[in-house]
Amino acid sequence: MQLSQDIKPISYLKAQTADVIKSVNENRRSIYITQNGEAKAVVQDIKSYENLQNTLNLLKLIIQSENDIENSRVTKQDEMFDSLEEKLFG
């Protein structure tokens, strides 16, 4: 992977917007946009963005679960199923 090919100034994005969109959708590589020499934005295809968001949500759930375990906020499996059964079938 050559990251240097994926870094473009904002003037490139302005002049080549359609090409940038086509490129990120075809090769699934993000383009990093700079302004005055500093990284300012990332252009990414929608599928990669959705995958990233799903991954972050899963990581948040894992962290919440780990915190629950550390703070003894857990329910034993058989108790959980008994409670669920009671709610479902009365």
PDB file of N, CA and C in Angstrom:
ATOM      1  N   MET A   1       0.854  -1.180   0.000  1.00  0.00           N
ATOM      2  CA  MET A   1       0.000   0.000   0.000  1.00  0.00           C
ATOM      3  C   MET A   1       0.895   1.237   0.000  1.00  0.00           C
ATOM      4  N   GLN A   2       0.611   2.148  -0.887  1.00  0.00           N
ATOM      5  CA  GLN A   2       1.378   3.382  -0.947  1.00  0.00           C
ATOM      6  C   GLN A   2       0.476   4.529  -0.503  1.00  0.00           C
ATOM      7  N   LEU A   3       0.602   4.871   0.756  1.00  0.00           N
ATOM      8  CA  LEU A   3      -0.224   5.922   1.334  1.00  0.00           C
ATOM      9  C   LEU A   3      -0.023   7.246   0.627  1.00  0.00           C
ATOM     10  N   SER A   4       1.164   7.494   0.114  1.00  0.00           N
ATOM     11  CA  SER A   4       1.440   8.774  -0.550  1.00  0.00           C
ATOM     12  C   SER A   4       0.530   9.000  -1.751  1.00  0.00           C
ATOM     13  N   GLN A   5       0.064   7.944  -2.389  1.00  0.00           N
ATOM     14  CA  GLN A   5      -0.856   8.077  -3.516  1.00  0.00           C
ATOM     15  C   GLN A   5      -2.263   8.446  -3.047  1.00  0.00           C
ATOM     16  N   ASP A   6      -2.560   8.212  -1.787  1.00  0.00           N
ATOM     17  CA  ASP A   6      -3.892   8.447  -1.246  1.00  0.00           C
ATOM     18  C   ASP A   6      -4.034   9.799  -0.560  1.00  0.00           C
ATOM     19  N   ILE A   7      -2.992  10.604  -0.581  1.00  0.00           N
ATOM     20  CA  ILE A   7      -3.024  11.930   0.034  1.00  0.00           C
ATOM     21  C   ILE A   7      -3.106  12.968  -1.079  1.00  0.00           C
ATOM     22  N   LYS A   8      -4.160  13.772  -1.040  1.00  0.00           N
ATOM     23  CA  LYS A   8      -4.375  14.759  -2.103  1.00  0.00           C
ATOM     24  C   LYS A   8      -4.734  16.109  -1.478  1.00  0.00           C
ATOM     25  N   PRO A   9      -4.306  17.192  -2.102  1.00  0.00           N
ATOM     26  CA  PRO A   9      -4.705  18.519  -1.614  1.00  0.00           C
ATOM     27  C   PRO A   9      -6.173  18.793  -1.951  1.00  0.00           C
ATOM     28  N   ILE A  10      -6.759  19.698  -1.248  1.00  0.00           N
ATOM     29  CA  ILE A  10      -8.162  20.033  -1.462  1.00  0.00           C
ATOM     30  C   ILE A  10      -8.403  20.541  -2.881  1.00  0.00           C
ATOM     31  N   SER A  11      -7.409  21.175  -3.464  1.00  0.00           N
ATOM     32  CA  SER A  11      -7.559  21.648  -4.856  1.00  0.00           C
ATOM     33  C   SER A  11      -7.770  20.460  -5.806  1.00  0.00           C
ATOM     34  N   TYR A  12      -7.131  19.339  -5.531  1.00  0.00           N
ATOM     35  CA  TYR A  12      -7.322  18.133  -6.346  1.00  0.00           C
ATOM     36  C   TYR A  12      -8.760  17.634  -6.210  1.00  0.00           C
ATOM     37  N   LEU A  13      -9.270  17.630  -4.987  1.00  0.00           N
ATOM     38  CA  LEU A  13     -10.649  17.198  -4.763  1.00  0.00           C
ATOM     39  C   LEU A  13     -11.625  18.107  -5.505  1.00  0.00           C
ATOM     40  N   LYS A  14     -11.390  19.406  -5.440  1.00  0.00           N
ATOM     41  CA  LYS A  14     -12.269  20.353  -6.135  1.00  0.00           C
ATOM     42  C   LYS A  14     -12.261  20.126  -7.642  1.00  0.00           C
ATOM     43  N   ALA A  15     -11.094  19.870  -8.194  1.00  0.00           N
ATOM     44  CA  ALA A  15     -10.961  19.728  -9.645  1.00  0.00           C
ATOM     45  C   ALA A  15     -11.326  18.335 -10.152  1.00  0.00           C
ATOM     46  N   GLN A  16     -11.192  17.338  -9.299  1.00  0.00           N
ATOM     47  CA  GLN A  16     -11.357  15.949  -9.736  1.00  0.00           C
ATOM     48  C   GLN A  16     -12.371  15.182  -8.882  1.00  0.00           C
ATOM     49  N   THR A  17     -13.421  15.833  -8.432  1.00  0.00           N
ATOM     50  CA  THR A  17     -14.371  15.208  -7.512  1.00  0.00           C
ATOM     51  C   THR A  17     -14.925  13.897  -8.050  1.00  0.00           C
ATOM     52  N   ALA A  18     -15.385  13.894  -9.283  1.00  0.00           N
ATOM     53  CA  ALA A  18     -15.964  12.673  -9.857  1.00  0.00           C
ATOM     54  C   ALA A  18     -14.932  11.546  -9.904  1.00  0.00           C
ATOM     55  N   ASP A  19     -13.699  11.866 -10.253  1.00  0.00           N
ATOM     56  CA  ASP A  19     -12.638  10.854 -10.302  1.00  0.00           C
ATOM     57  C   ASP A  19     -12.319  10.304  -8.915  1.00  0.00           C
ATOM     58  N   VAL A  20     -12.307  11.172  -7.917  1.00  0.00           N
ATOM     59  CA  VAL A  20     -12.044  10.742  -6.545  1.00  0.00           C
ATOM     60  C   VAL A  20     -13.142   9.785  -6.086  1.00  0.00           C
ATOM     61  N   ILE A  21     -14.401  10.155  -6.335  1.00  0.00           N
ATOM     62  CA  ILE A  21     -15.520   9.298  -5.936  1.00  0.00           C
ATOM     63  C   ILE A  21     -15.438   7.952  -6.647  1.00  0.00           C
ATOM     64  N   LYS A  22     -15.152   7.980  -7.917  1.00  0.00           N
ATOM     65  CA  LYS A  22     -15.030   6.739  -8.687  1.00  0.00           C
ATOM     66  C   LYS A  22     -13.899   5.870  -8.134  1.00  0.00           C
ATOM     67  N   SER A  23     -12.786   6.494  -7.837  1.00  0.00           N
ATOM     68  CA  SER A  23     -11.623   5.772  -7.334  1.00  0.00           C
ATOM     69  C   SER A  23     -11.902   5.096  -5.989  1.00  0.00           C
ATOM     70  N   VAL A  24     -12.462   5.827  -5.043  1.00  0.00           N
ATOM     71  CA  VAL A  24     -12.700   5.227  -3.723  1.00  0.00           C
ATOM     72  C   VAL A  24     -13.739   4.117  -3.799  1.00  0.00           C
ATOM     73  N   ASN A  25     -14.682   4.229  -4.714  1.00  0.00           N
ATOM     74  CA  ASN A  25     -15.686   3.173  -4.854  1.00  0.00           C
ATOM     75  C   ASN A  25     -15.134   1.937  -5.567  1.00  0.00           C
ATOM     76  N   GLU A  26     -14.207   2.136  -6.484  1.00  0.00           N
ATOM     77  CA  GLU A  26     -13.638   1.002  -7.214  1.00  0.00           C
ATOM     78  C   GLU A  26     -12.596   0.234  -6.407  1.00  0.00           C
ATOM     79  N   ASN A  27     -11.725   0.967  -5.734  1.00  0.00           N
ATOM     80  CA  ASN A  27     -10.623   0.273  -5.057  1.00  0.00           C
ATOM     81  C   ASN A  27     -10.763   0.210  -3.539  1.00  0.00           C
ATOM     82  N   ARG A  28     -11.814   0.827  -3.001  1.00  0.00           N
ATOM     83  CA  ARG A  28     -12.092   0.801  -1.555  1.00  0.00           C
ATOM     84  C   ARG A  28     -10.945   1.347  -0.706  1.00  0.00           C
ATOM     85  N   ARG A  29     -10.161   2.262  -1.292  1.00  0.00           N
ATOM     86  CA  ARG A  29      -9.098   2.924  -0.550  1.00  0.00           C
ATOM     87  C   ARG A  29      -9.517   4.355  -0.282  1.00  0.00           C
ATOM     88  N   SER A  30      -9.353   4.772   0.933  1.00  0.00           N
ATOM     89  CA  SER A  30      -9.704   6.130   1.323  1.00  0.00           C
ATOM     90  C   SER A  30      -8.720   7.127   0.738  1.00  0.00           C
ATOM     91  N   ILE A  31      -9.207   8.335   0.493  1.00  0.00           N
ATOM     92  CA  ILE A  31      -8.361   9.439   0.049  1.00  0.00           C
ATOM     93  C   ILE A  31      -8.300  10.451   1.194  1.00  0.00           C
ATOM     94  N   TYR A  32      -7.103  10.854   1.547  1.00  0.00           N
ATOM     95  CA  TYR A  32      -6.898  11.812   2.624  1.00  0.00           C
ATOM     96  C   TYR A  32      -6.707  13.185   2.006  1.00  0.00           C
ATOM     97  N   ILE A  33      -7.531  14.126   2.416  1.00  0.00           N
ATOM     98  CA  ILE A  33      -7.513  15.472   1.846  1.00  0.00           C
ATOM     99  C   ILE A  33      -6.759  16.408   2.787  1.00  0.00           C
ATOM    100  N   THR A  34      -5.825  17.168   2.192  1.00  0.00           N
ATOM    101  CA  THR A  34      -5.066  18.135   2.979  1.00  0.00           C
ATOM    102  C   THR A  34      -5.465  19.556   2.602  1.00  0.00           C
ATOM    103  N   GLN A  35      -5.278  20.426   3.553  1.00  0.00           N
ATOM    104  CA  GLN A  35      -5.491  21.857   3.331  1.00  0.00           C
ATOM    105  C   GLN A  35      -4.339  22.581   4.008  1.00  0.00           C
ATOM    106  N   ASN A  36      -3.633  23.371   3.236  1.00  0.00           N
ATOM    107  CA  ASN A  36      -2.446  24.061   3.743  1.00  0.00           C
ATOM    108  C   ASN A  36      -1.441  23.077   4.362  1.00  0.00           C
ATOM    109  N   GLY A  37      -1.324  21.914   3.738  1.00  0.00           N
ATOM    110  CA  GLY A  37      -0.356  20.921   4.179  1.00  0.00           C
ATOM    111  C   GLY A  37      -0.770  20.067   5.355  1.00  0.00           C
ATOM    112  N   GLU A  38      -1.956  20.281   5.898  1.00  0.00           N
ATOM    113  CA  GLU A  38      -2.425  19.500   7.044  1.00  0.00           C
ATOM    114  C   GLU A  38      -3.594  18.610   6.642  1.00  0.00           C
ATOM    115  N   ALA A  39      -3.625  17.391   7.164  1.00  0.00           N
ATOM    116  CA  ALA A  39      -4.743  16.490   6.903  1.00  0.00           C
ATOM    117  C   ALA A  39      -6.017  17.092   7.505  1.00  0.00           C
ATOM    118  N   LYS A  40      -7.082  17.161   6.695  1.00  0.00           N
ATOM    119  CA  LYS A  40      -8.322  17.788   7.147  1.00  0.00           C
ATOM    120  C   LYS A  40      -9.550  16.901   6.983  1.00  0.00           C
ATOM    121  N   ALA A  41      -9.522  15.951   6.024  1.00  0.00           N
ATOM    122  CA  ALA A  41     -10.715  15.150   5.767  1.00  0.00           C
ATOM    123  C   ALA A  41     -10.328  13.827   5.118  1.00  0.00           C
ATOM    124  N   VAL A  42     -11.272  12.908   5.148  1.00  0.00           N
ATOM    125  CA  VAL A  42     -11.097  11.608   4.502  1.00  0.00           C
ATOM    126  C   VAL A  42     -12.306  11.365   3.611  1.00  0.00           C
ATOM    127  N   VAL A  43     -12.058  10.942   2.367  1.00  0.00           N
ATOM    128  CA  VAL A  43     -13.131  10.554   1.459  1.00  0.00           C
ATOM    129  C   VAL A  43     -13.091   9.033   1.388  1.00  0.00           C
ATOM    130  N   GLN A  44     -14.239   8.420   1.664  1.00  0.00           N
ATOM    131  CA  GLN A  44     -14.302   6.971   1.795  1.00  0.00           C
ATOM    132  C   GLN A  44     -15.568   6.457   1.120  1.00  0.00           C
ATOM    133  N   ASP A  45     -15.509   5.261   0.534  1.00  0.00           N
ATOM    134  CA  ASP A  45     -16.715   4.703  -0.062  1.00  0.00           C
ATOM    135  C   ASP A  45     -17.702   4.320   1.039  1.00  0.00           C
ATOM    136  N   ILE A  46     -18.970   4.296   0.694  1.00  0.00           N
ATOM    137  CA  ILE A  46     -20.021   4.112   1.698  1.00  0.00           C
ATOM    138  C   ILE A  46     -19.958   2.742   2.360  1.00  0.00           C
ATOM    139  N   LYS A  47     -19.626   1.700   1.625  1.00  0.00           N
ATOM    140  CA  LYS A  47     -19.566   0.355   2.200  1.00  0.00           C
ATOM    141  C   LYS A  47     -18.470   0.270   3.259  1.00  0.00           C
ATOM    142  N   SER A  48     -17.313   0.839   2.969  1.00  0.00           N
ATOM    143  CA  SER A  48     -16.228   0.851   3.954  1.00  0.00           C
ATOM    144  C   SER A  48     -16.624   1.653   5.188  1.00  0.00           C
ATOM    145  N   TYR A  49     -17.324   2.773   4.960  1.00  0.00           N
ATOM    146  CA  TYR A  49     -17.783   3.587   6.086  1.00  0.00           C
ATOM    147  C   TYR A  49     -18.775   2.802   6.946  1.00  0.00           C
ATOM    148  N   GLU A  50     -19.729   2.131   6.311  1.00  0.00           N
ATOM    149  CA  GLU A  50     -20.701   1.333   7.057  1.00  0.00           C
ATOM    150  C   GLU A  50     -20.013   0.225   7.844  1.00  0.00           C
ATOM    151  N   ASN A  51     -19.036  -0.436   7.223  1.00  0.00           N
ATOM    152  CA  ASN A  51     -18.292  -1.484   7.922  1.00  0.00           C
ATOM    153  C   ASN A  51     -17.544  -0.929   9.123  1.00  0.00           C
ATOM    154  N   LEU A  52     -16.958   0.241   8.962  1.00  0.00           N
ATOM    155  CA  LEU A  52     -16.251   0.881  10.068  1.00  0.00           C
ATOM    156  C   LEU A  52     -17.214   1.198  11.212  1.00  0.00           C
ATOM    157  N   GLN A  53     -18.382   1.743  10.884  1.00  0.00           N
ATOM    158  CA  GLN A  53     -19.368   2.069  11.914  1.00  0.00           C
ATOM    159  C   GLN A  53     -19.850   0.812  12.629  1.00  0.00           C
ATOM    160  N   ASN A  54     -20.087  -0.259  11.891  1.00  0.00           N
ATOM    161  CA  ASN A  54     -20.503  -1.524  12.504  1.00  0.00           C
ATOM    162  C   ASN A  54     -19.431  -2.077  13.426  1.00  0.00           C
ATOM    163  N   THR A  55     -18.180  -1.973  13.005  1.00  0.00           N
ATOM    164  CA  THR A  55     -17.065  -2.429  13.829  1.00  0.00           C
ATOM    165  C   THR A  55     -16.977  -1.622  15.118  1.00  0.00           C
ATOM    166  N   LEU A  56     -17.116  -0.315  15.007  1.00  0.00           N
ATOM    167  CA  LEU A  56     -17.074   0.534  16.208  1.00  0.00           C
ATOM    168  C   LEU A  56     -18.211   0.213  17.166  1.00  0.00           C
ATOM    169  N   ASN A  57     -19.399  -0.042  16.625  1.00  0.00           N
ATOM    170  CA  ASN A  57     -20.536  -0.393  17.476  1.00  0.00           C
ATOM    171  C   ASN A  57     -20.300  -1.707  18.203  1.00  0.00           C
ATOM    172  N   LEU A  58     -19.720  -2.687  17.512  1.00  0.00           N
ATOM    173  CA  LEU A  58     -19.400  -3.960  18.162  1.00  0.00           C
ATOM    174  C   LEU A  58     -18.357  -3.777  19.261  1.00  0.00           C
ATOM    175  N   LEU A  59     -17.353  -2.955  18.998  1.00  0.00           N
ATOM    176  CA  LEU A  59     -16.341  -2.697  20.012  1.00  0.00           C
ATOM    177  C   LEU A  59     -16.937  -2.016  21.239  1.00  0.00           C
ATOM    178  N   LYS A  60     -17.886  -1.102  21.023  1.00  0.00           N
ATOM    179  CA  LYS A  60     -18.566  -0.445  22.150  1.00  0.00           C
ATOM    180  C   LYS A  60     -19.325  -1.469  22.984  1.00  0.00           C
ATOM    181  N   LEU A  61     -19.993  -2.418  22.318  1.00  0.00           N
ATOM    182  CA  LEU A  61     -20.718  -3.463  23.045  1.00  0.00           C
ATOM    183  C   LEU A  61     -19.772  -4.342  23.858  1.00  0.00           C
ATOM    184  N   ILE A  62     -18.622  -4.645  23.285  1.00  0.00           N
ATOM    185  CA  ILE A  62     -17.634  -5.452  24.002  1.00  0.00           C
ATOM    186  C   ILE A  62     -17.143  -4.711  25.240  1.00  0.00           C
ATOM    187  N   ILE A  63     -16.854  -3.423  25.092  1.00  0.00           N
ATOM    188  CA  ILE A  63     -16.397  -2.623  26.231  1.00  0.00           C
ATOM    189  C   ILE A  63     -17.466  -2.553  27.307  1.00  0.00           C
ATOM    190  N   GLN A  64     -18.716  -2.341  26.907  1.00  0.00           N
ATOM    191  CA  GLN A  64     -19.808  -2.313  27.881  1.00  0.00           C
ATOM    192  C   GLN A  64     -19.921  -3.651  28.603  1.00  0.00           C
ATOM    193  N   SER A  65     -19.782  -4.739  27.863  1.00  0.00           N
ATOM    194  CA  SER A  65     -19.863  -6.069  28.463  1.00  0.00           C
ATOM    195  C   SER A  65     -18.720  -6.299  29.447  1.00  0.00           C
ATOM    196  N   GLU A  66     -17.525  -5.897  29.067  1.00  0.00           N
ATOM    197  CA  GLU A  66     -16.384  -6.037  29.973  1.00  0.00           C
ATOM    198  C   GLU A  66     -16.590  -5.217  31.246  1.00  0.00           C
ATOM    199  N   ASN A  67     -17.132  -4.017  31.107  1.00  0.00           N
ATOM    200  CA  ASN A  67     -17.416  -3.185  32.282  1.00  0.00           C
ATOM    201  C   ASN A  67     -18.472  -3.836  33.165  1.00  0.00           C
ATOM    202  N   ASP A  68     -19.491  -4.421  32.560  1.00  0.00           N
ATOM    203  CA  ASP A  68     -20.521  -5.117  33.332  1.00  0.00           C
ATOM    204  C   ASP A  68     -19.917  -6.285  34.107  1.00  0.00           C
ATOM    205  N   ILE A  69     -19.039  -7.039  33.483  1.00  0.00           N
ATOM    206  CA  ILE A  69     -18.393  -8.169  34.159  1.00  0.00           C
ATOM    207  C   ILE A  69     -17.526  -7.675  35.306  1.00  0.00           C
ATOM    208  N   GLU A  70     -16.736  -6.628  35.066  1.00  0.00           N
ATOM    209  CA  GLU A  70     -15.865  -6.084  36.113  1.00  0.00           C
ATOM    210  C   GLU A  70     -16.667  -5.568  37.303  1.00  0.00           C
ATOM    211  N   ASN A  71     -17.874  -5.042  37.043  1.00  0.00           N
ATOM    212  CA  ASN A  71     -18.703  -4.479  38.109  1.00  0.00           C
ATOM    213  C   ASN A  71     -19.780  -5.441  38.596  1.00  0.00           C
ATOM    214  N   SER A  72     -19.606  -6.713  38.287  1.00  0.00           N
ATOM    215  CA  SER A  72     -20.510  -7.790  38.733  1.00  0.00           C
ATOM    216  C   SER A  72     -21.961  -7.537  38.348  1.00  0.00           C
ATOM    217  N   ARG A  73     -22.185  -6.908  37.199  1.00  0.00           N
ATOM    218  CA  ARG A  73     -23.546  -6.710  36.685  1.00  0.00           C
ATOM    219  C   ARG A  73     -23.834  -7.795  35.656  1.00  0.00           C
ATOM    220  N   VAL A  74     -23.892  -9.022  36.144  1.00  0.00           N
ATOM    221  CA  VAL A  74     -24.110 -10.165  35.264  1.00  0.00           C
ATOM    222  C   VAL A  74     -25.255 -11.009  35.804  1.00  0.00           C
ATOM    223  N   THR A  75     -25.837 -11.804  34.929  1.00  0.00           N
ATOM    224  CA  THR A  75     -26.890 -12.738  35.302  1.00  0.00           C
ATOM    225  C   THR A  75     -26.456 -14.117  34.831  1.00  0.00           C
ATOM    226  N   LYS A  76     -26.645 -15.099  35.683  1.00  0.00           N
ATOM    227  CA  LYS A  76     -26.294 -16.458  35.284  1.00  0.00           C
ATOM    228  C   LYS A  76     -27.191 -16.891  34.132  1.00  0.00           C
ATOM    229  N   GLN A  77     -26.628 -17.712  33.271  1.00  0.00           N
ATOM    230  CA  GLN A  77     -27.324 -18.121  32.050  1.00  0.00           C
ATOM    231  C   GLN A  77     -28.670 -18.779  32.352  1.00  0.00           C
ATOM    232  N   ASP A  78     -28.716 -19.724  33.280  1.00  0.00           N
ATOM    233  CA  ASP A  78     -29.979 -20.412  33.556  1.00  0.00           C
ATOM    234  C   ASP A  78     -31.017 -19.455  34.143  1.00  0.00           C
ATOM    235  N   GLU A  79     -30.582 -18.484  34.941  1.00  0.00           N
ATOM    236  CA  GLU A  79     -31.517 -17.489  35.481  1.00  0.00           C
ATOM    237  C   GLU A  79     -32.070 -16.605  34.370  1.00  0.00           C
ATOM    238  N   MET A  80     -31.220 -16.246  33.424  1.00  0.00           N
ATOM    239  CA  MET A  80     -31.652 -15.406  32.318  1.00  0.00           C
ATOM    240  C   MET A  80     -32.684 -16.131  31.458  1.00  0.00           C
ATOM    241  N   PHE A  81     -32.420 -17.420  31.152  1.00  0.00           N
ATOM    242  CA  PHE A  81     -33.365 -18.176  30.335  1.00  0.00           C
ATOM    243  C   PHE A  81     -34.677 -18.421  31.071  1.00  0.00           C
ATOM    244  N   ASP A  82     -34.603 -18.676  32.388  1.00  0.00           N
ATOM    245  CA  ASP A  82     -35.836 -18.843  33.172  1.00  0.00           C
ATOM    246  C   ASP A  82     -36.665 -17.561  33.147  1.00  0.00           C
ATOM    247  N   SER A  83     -35.999 -16.421  33.311  1.00  0.00           N
ATOM    248  CA  SER A  83     -36.689 -15.129  33.292  1.00  0.00           C
ATOM    249  C   SER A  83     -37.294 -14.859  31.919  1.00  0.00           C
ATOM    250  N   LEU A  84     -36.557 -15.154  30.878  1.00  0.00           N
ATOM    251  CA  LEU A  84     -37.048 -14.965  29.516  1.00  0.00           C
ATOM    252  C   LEU A  84     -38.248 -15.869  29.231  1.00  0.00           C
ATOM    253  N   GLU A  85     -38.147 -17.110  29.658  1.00  0.00           N
ATOM    254  CA  GLU A  85     -39.245 -18.068  29.483  1.00  0.00           C
ATOM    255  C   GLU A  85     -40.511 -17.575  30.188  1.00  0.00           C
ATOM    256  N   GLU A  86     -40.328 -17.057  31.387  1.00  0.00           N
ATOM    257  CA  GLU A  86     -41.476 -16.535  32.156  1.00  0.00           C
ATOM    258  C   GLU A  86     -42.110 -15.369  31.447  1.00  0.00           C
ATOM    259  N   LYS A  87     -41.309 -14.488  30.898  1.00  0.00           N
ATOM    260  CA  LYS A  87     -41.850 -13.330  30.174  1.00  0.00           C
ATOM    261  C   LYS A  87     -42.571 -13.743  28.897  1.00  0.00           C
ATOM    262  N   LEU A  88     -42.038 -14.746  28.215  1.00  0.00           N
ATOM    263  CA  LEU A  88     -42.618 -15.165  26.950  1.00  0.00           C
ATOM    264  C   LEU A  88     -43.870 -16.030  27.107  1.00  0.00           C
ATOM    265  N   PHE A  89     -43.841 -16.908  28.093  1.00  0.00           N
ATOM    266  CA  PHE A  89     -44.909 -17.905  28.198  1.00  0.00           C
ATOM    267  C   PHE A  89     -45.744 -17.761  29.462  1.00  0.00           C
ATOM    268  N   GLY A  90     -45.407 -16.780  30.290  1.00  0.00           N
ATOM    269  CA  GLY A  90     -46.196 -16.516  31.493  1.00  0.00           C
ATOM    270  C   GLY A  90     -45.991 -17.535  32.504  1.00  0.00           C
TER     271      GLY A  90
END
